[in-house]
Protein backbone atom coordinates (compact mmCIF):
# COMPACT_ATOMS: atom_id res chain seq x y z
CA MET A 1 -1.15 21.68 10.10
CA VAL A 2 1.40 20.59 8.90
CA GLN A 3 1.28 17.02 10.05
CA GLN A 4 -1.74 15.97 8.19
CA ALA A 5 -0.68 17.65 4.98
CA GLY A 6 2.48 14.95 5.25
CA TRP A 7 0.31 12.56 6.03
CA GLY A 8 -2.13 13.05 2.54
CA ALA A 9 1.14 13.88 0.23
CA PHE A 10 2.76 10.61 1.91
CA ALA A 11 -0.91 8.78 1.45
CA GLY A 12 -1.28 9.68 -2.37
CA HIS A 13 2.57 8.18 -2.93
CA ARG A 14 1.65 4.92 -1.69
CA SER A 15 -1.38 4.54 -4.03
CA LYS A 16 0.59 5.90 -6.83
CA LEU A 17 3.38 3.91 -6.00
CA ARG A 18 0.87 0.79 -5.31
CA THR A 19 -0.41 1.73 -9.23
CA ALA A 20 2.78 2.01 -10.89
CA LEU A 21 3.68 -1.81 -8.69
CA ARG A 22 0.50 -3.25 -10.59
CA THR A 23 1.47 -1.80 -13.64
CA TRP A 24 5.20 -3.32 -13.45
CA LEU A 25 3.98 -6.72 -12.30
CA ARG A 26 1.84 -6.89 -15.34
CA ILE A 27 4.37 -6.58 -17.83
CA GLU A 28 6.19 -8.70 -15.56
CA LEU A 29 3.88 -11.36 -15.87
CA ARG A 30 2.70 -10.90 -19.35
CA SER A 31 6.99 -11.53 -20.18
CA GLY A 32 6.90 -14.15 -17.82
CA LEU A 33 4.53 -15.68 -19.83
CA VAL A 34 5.33 -14.66 -23.60
CA GLY A 35 9.15 -16.14 -22.65
CA ALA A 36 7.43 -19.66 -21.46
CA ALA A 37 5.63 -19.68 -24.11
CA ARG A 38 7.30 -19.56 -26.64
């Protein structure tokens, strides 16, 4: 039971991390494109 709860928390943390990474990537790409256009 405890292990299952821990796994659920881990999965949630992973998805949150993936979302944050995607957002960061989008910002990085946009700033990179702006820098290239300048």
